[in-house]
Amino acid sequence: MRSIEAVIFDLEGTLFDCPLLSQKHLATIINLIAAKKTISFSKAKNLFFSARCDFSKKLGYEPAMVTTVLMLGINRADFFRCIESTDPFQFIQSEHRLKEILSQLRQLGKVGLLTNVSRKTVTAILHALGLDPNEFDAIVSGDEVPENKPALGPFLKMAATLLVQPNHIVMVGDRTNIDLIPAKILGMATILIDKSSNVSRFADVVVNDVSEVHSAVLRIARASTLHH
């Protein structure tokens, strides 16, 4: 029987959803591109979206923001500093239910957080949500790994940090190609958060909201028991 020993969350779009913060991050990234390329904000915006469109066609999916920035010749350190310049407290309200959700999941096993942004940004966002980083058994941030998701390295580092084999882990994310497919390659179970409830062959369970993750993990555990 495959037991579930850990649940890993993506951050933005998964643990919480704040379109205004996402828009602010995008604006700061475009400003960074404008400064680095010595062009106007409007030209930088066109460059970013044109590049993202081209990369999407090549990859078959929309790349992570950090991937697009790297492909435009801007280094990761500048990307991380750019995102860090935004104060999440201006955009995020405290989510008291998250404490209860994490508490329920910790009764099942360990809980991790895997994200492409820096540790400084992660900490600021968690505090804005009313969470303590110590409520997670492990956090792997974008500035702590050589490559960002969907590379396998961050997932492997998380498993090693948690001391849990990948086939005993559930990955929770909102992007199939960036969060779920790498997890599946490593043998993890997967939960897709999708408000439209789209079906994905890479998701063991699809839920509308983070509040449904606990019951989804139990479903995966029961299904695993039945299949063994």
Protein backbone atom coordinates (compact mmCIF):
# COMPACT_ATOMS: atom_id res chain seq x y z
CA MET A 1 0.00 0.00 0.00
CA ARG A 2 1.25 3.46 -0.91
CA SER A 3 0.78 5.73 2.10
CA ILE A 4 0.67 9.50 1.79
CA GLU A 5 3.43 10.96 3.97
CA ALA A 6 3.61 14.53 2.66
CA VAL A 7 1.65 17.18 0.77
CA ILE A 8 3.47 19.87 -1.21
CA PHE A 9 1.86 23.15 -2.25
CA ASP A 10 2.68 25.59 -5.01
CA LEU A 11 2.26 29.17 -3.74
CA GLU A 12 0.52 31.77 -5.91
CA GLY A 13 -2.61 30.47 -7.62
CA THR A 14 -2.65 27.42 -5.34
CA LEU A 15 -2.27 28.22 -1.65
CA PHE A 16 -3.86 31.61 -2.36
CA ASP A 17 -5.12 33.55 -5.37
CA CYS A 18 -4.70 37.31 -5.70
CA PRO A 19 -5.04 38.73 -9.23
CA LEU A 20 -4.04 42.22 -8.07
CA LEU A 21 -0.72 40.94 -6.71
CA SER A 22 -0.12 38.99 -9.93
CA GLN A 23 -0.78 42.14 -11.96
CA LYS A 24 1.64 44.11 -9.78
CA HIS A 25 4.34 41.48 -10.19
CA LEU A 26 3.85 41.57 -13.95
CA ALA A 27 4.11 45.37 -14.02
CA THR A 28 7.35 45.32 -12.02
CA ILE A 29 8.78 42.67 -14.36
CA ILE A 30 7.93 44.80 -17.40
CA ASN A 31 9.59 47.79 -15.72
CA LEU A 32 12.68 45.63 -15.17
CA ILE A 33 12.74 44.64 -18.85
CA ALA A 34 12.33 48.30 -19.86
CA ALA A 35 15.26 49.33 -17.65
CA LYS A 36 17.52 46.49 -18.80
CA LYS A 37 16.74 46.97 -22.49
CA THR A 38 16.57 50.79 -22.26
CA ILE A 39 13.15 50.88 -23.89
CA SER A 40 9.74 52.26 -22.96
CA PHE A 41 7.29 50.42 -20.70
CA SER A 42 5.00 49.94 -23.70
CA LYS A 43 7.76 48.38 -25.82
CA ALA A 44 8.87 46.21 -22.90
CA LYS A 45 5.30 45.00 -22.42
CA ASN A 46 5.04 44.07 -26.10
CA LEU A 47 8.41 42.33 -25.92
CA PHE A 48 7.39 40.30 -22.86
CA PHE A 49 4.08 39.11 -24.28
CA SER A 50 5.54 38.45 -27.72
CA ALA A 51 8.30 36.37 -26.14
CA ARG A 52 5.85 34.52 -23.89
CA CYS A 53 3.69 33.75 -26.95
CA ASP A 54 6.71 32.44 -28.89
CA PHE A 55 7.89 30.35 -25.95
CA SER A 56 4.38 29.00 -25.43
CA LYS A 57 4.30 27.75 -29.02
CA LYS A 58 7.72 26.10 -28.66
CA LEU A 59 7.01 24.55 -25.25
CA GLY A 60 3.37 23.70 -25.82
CA TYR A 61 2.33 25.56 -22.67
CA GLU A 62 2.66 29.02 -21.11
CA PRO A 63 6.05 29.22 -19.37
CA ALA A 64 6.57 30.42 -15.82
CA MET A 65 7.27 34.14 -15.54
CA VAL A 66 10.86 33.52 -14.45
CA THR A 67 11.42 31.35 -17.54
CA THR A 68 10.23 34.13 -19.85
CA VAL A 69 12.46 36.66 -18.11
CA LEU A 70 15.50 34.36 -18.41
CA MET A 71 14.82 33.82 -22.09
CA LEU A 72 14.89 37.60 -22.55
CA GLY A 73 18.42 37.65 -21.19
CA ILE A 74 17.67 38.91 -17.67
CA ASN A 75 19.28 36.96 -14.83
CA ARG A 76 17.42 35.21 -12.05
CA ALA A 77 18.86 37.38 -9.27
CA ASP A 78 17.40 40.50 -10.91
CA PHE A 79 14.07 38.71 -11.31
CA PHE A 80 13.97 37.77 -7.63
CA ARG A 81 14.91 41.30 -6.48
CA CYS A 82 12.25 42.76 -8.76
CA ILE A 83 9.48 40.62 -7.26
CA GLU A 84 10.79 41.33 -3.75
CA SER A 85 10.21 45.06 -4.30
CA THR A 86 6.44 44.53 -4.05
CA ASP A 87 4.89 44.59 -0.58
CA PRO A 88 2.27 41.80 -0.53
CA PHE A 89 0.54 43.36 2.50
CA GLN A 90 -0.86 45.98 0.10
CA PHE A 91 -2.69 43.30 -1.88
CA ILE A 92 -3.29 40.22 0.28
CA GLN A 93 -5.73 39.82 3.14
CA SER A 94 -5.08 37.39 5.98
CA GLU A 95 -6.56 33.95 5.24
CA HIS A 96 -7.43 32.47 8.62
CA ARG A 97 -8.78 29.26 7.06
CA LEU A 98 -5.31 28.37 5.77
CA LYS A 99 -4.07 27.68 9.30
CA GLU A 100 -6.84 25.13 9.78
CA ILE A 101 -6.22 23.56 6.36
CA LEU A 102 -2.52 23.14 7.09
CA SER A 103 -3.27 21.83 10.57
CA GLN A 104 -5.58 19.15 9.14
CA LEU A 105 -2.96 18.11 6.60
CA ARG A 106 -0.21 17.92 9.23
CA GLN A 107 -2.29 15.25 10.94
CA LEU A 108 -1.79 13.15 7.80
CA GLY A 109 1.92 13.84 7.36
CA LYS A 110 4.41 16.55 6.47
CA VAL A 111 3.57 19.74 4.55
CA GLY A 112 5.88 21.55 2.12
CA LEU A 113 5.85 24.68 -0.03
CA LEU A 114 7.52 24.69 -3.46
CA THR A 115 7.68 27.95 -5.40
CA ASN A 116 9.62 29.79 -8.10
CA VAL A 117 9.88 33.07 -6.14
CA SER A 118 12.60 33.87 -3.60
CA ARG A 119 12.62 32.98 0.09
CA LYS A 120 12.21 36.67 0.96
CA THR A 121 9.07 36.93 -1.18
CA VAL A 122 7.70 33.65 0.19
CA THR A 123 8.14 34.86 3.78
CA ALA A 124 6.48 38.20 3.05
CA ILE A 125 3.51 36.54 1.33
CA LEU A 126 3.03 34.00 4.12
CA HIS A 127 3.07 36.73 6.76
CA ALA A 128 0.50 38.71 4.73
CA LEU A 129 -1.67 35.58 4.65
CA GLY A 130 -1.37 35.32 8.43
CA LEU A 131 0.89 32.26 8.27
CA ASP A 132 4.23 31.50 9.89
CA PRO A 133 6.80 29.88 7.56
CA ASN A 134 7.42 27.38 10.38
CA GLU A 135 3.96 25.95 9.72
CA PHE A 136 5.61 24.17 6.80
CA ASP A 137 8.02 21.30 7.38
CA ALA A 138 10.03 22.47 4.37
CA ILE A 139 10.08 25.37 1.93
CA VAL A 140 12.02 25.26 -1.32
CA SER A 141 12.13 28.67 -3.01
CA GLY A 142 13.31 29.71 -6.44
CA ASP A 143 16.56 31.27 -5.24
CA GLU A 144 17.62 28.06 -3.47
CA VAL A 145 17.82 25.83 -6.55
CA PRO A 146 19.85 26.06 -9.80
CA GLU A 147 16.71 25.74 -11.95
CA ASN A 148 13.08 26.56 -11.30
CA LYS A 149 9.93 24.51 -11.90
CA PRO A 150 9.15 22.68 -14.15
CA ALA A 151 12.72 21.36 -13.79
CA LEU A 152 12.79 18.22 -11.65
CA GLY A 153 15.49 19.56 -9.31
CA PRO A 154 13.20 21.60 -7.04
CA PHE A 155 10.85 18.62 -6.60
CA LEU A 156 13.75 16.31 -5.77
CA LYS A 157 15.16 18.83 -3.30
CA MET A 158 11.77 19.06 -1.59
CA ALA A 159 11.51 15.28 -1.28
CA ALA A 160 15.04 15.08 0.11
CA THR A 161 14.40 17.90 2.58
CA LEU A 162 11.20 16.26 3.81
CA LEU A 163 12.94 12.85 3.93
CA VAL A 164 10.01 11.37 2.03
CA GLN A 165 10.18 9.28 -1.15
CA PRO A 166 8.41 10.96 -4.13
CA ASN A 167 5.86 8.15 -4.47
CA HIS A 168 4.60 9.00 -0.97
CA ILE A 169 4.06 12.68 -1.79
CA VAL A 170 1.05 14.58 -3.14
CA MET A 171 1.80 17.71 -5.18
CA VAL A 172 -0.86 20.45 -5.23
CA GLY A 173 -0.67 23.07 -7.97
CA ASP A 174 -2.66 25.20 -10.40
CA ARG A 175 -0.52 24.64 -13.53
CA THR A 176 -0.43 21.23 -15.16
CA ASN A 177 2.84 21.62 -17.06
CA ILE A 178 4.76 23.47 -14.34
CA ASP A 179 3.46 21.83 -11.15
CA LEU A 180 1.86 18.49 -12.02
CA ILE A 181 3.78 16.91 -14.90
CA PRO A 182 7.21 17.09 -13.18
CA ALA A 183 5.62 15.65 -10.04
CA LYS A 184 4.08 12.81 -12.04
CA ILE A 185 7.42 12.04 -13.70
CA LEU A 186 8.86 11.47 -10.23
CA GLY A 187 5.94 9.28 -9.14
CA MET A 188 4.08 11.78 -6.99
CA ALA A 189 0.29 11.89 -6.77
CA THR A 190 -1.21 15.19 -7.95
CA ILE A 191 -4.06 17.55 -7.16
CA LEU A 192 -4.98 20.31 -9.61
CA ILE A 193 -6.65 23.46 -8.31
CA ASP A 194 -8.82 24.73 -11.14
CA LYS A 195 -11.91 26.85 -10.55
CA SER A 196 -13.36 25.74 -13.88
CA SER A 197 -12.87 22.08 -12.89
CA ASN A 198 -11.09 21.24 -16.14
CA VAL A 199 -10.09 17.60 -16.40
CA SER A 200 -6.36 16.87 -16.64
CA ARG A 201 -4.93 13.40 -17.24
CA PHE A 202 -1.99 14.44 -15.06
CA ALA A 203 -4.22 15.17 -12.06
CA ASP A 204 -5.37 12.41 -9.75
CA VAL A 205 -7.98 14.79 -8.37
CA VAL A 206 -9.22 18.21 -9.53
CA VAL A 207 -10.62 20.64 -6.94
CA ASN A 208 -11.97 24.18 -7.10
CA ASP A 209 -10.25 25.55 -4.02
CA VAL A 210 -7.49 24.90 -1.49
CA SER A 211 -10.14 24.12 1.14
CA GLU A 212 -10.88 20.86 -0.74
CA VAL A 213 -7.29 19.59 -0.63
CA HIS A 214 -7.63 17.64 2.64
CA SER A 215 -10.56 15.58 1.37
CA ALA A 216 -8.78 15.13 -1.98
CA VAL A 217 -5.69 13.73 -0.24
CA LEU A 218 -7.91 11.28 1.64
CA ARG A 219 -9.46 10.19 -1.68
CA ILE A 220 -6.00 9.57 -3.13
CA ALA A 221 -5.00 7.56 -0.06
CA ARG A 222 -8.17 5.45 -0.27
CA ALA A 223 -7.70 4.85 -4.00
CA SER A 224 -4.11 3.78 -3.37
CA THR A 225 -5.32 1.30 -0.78
CA LEU A 226 -7.86 -0.17 -3.19
CA HIS A 227 -5.28 -0.55 -5.96
CA HIS A 228 -2.89 -2.46 -3.73
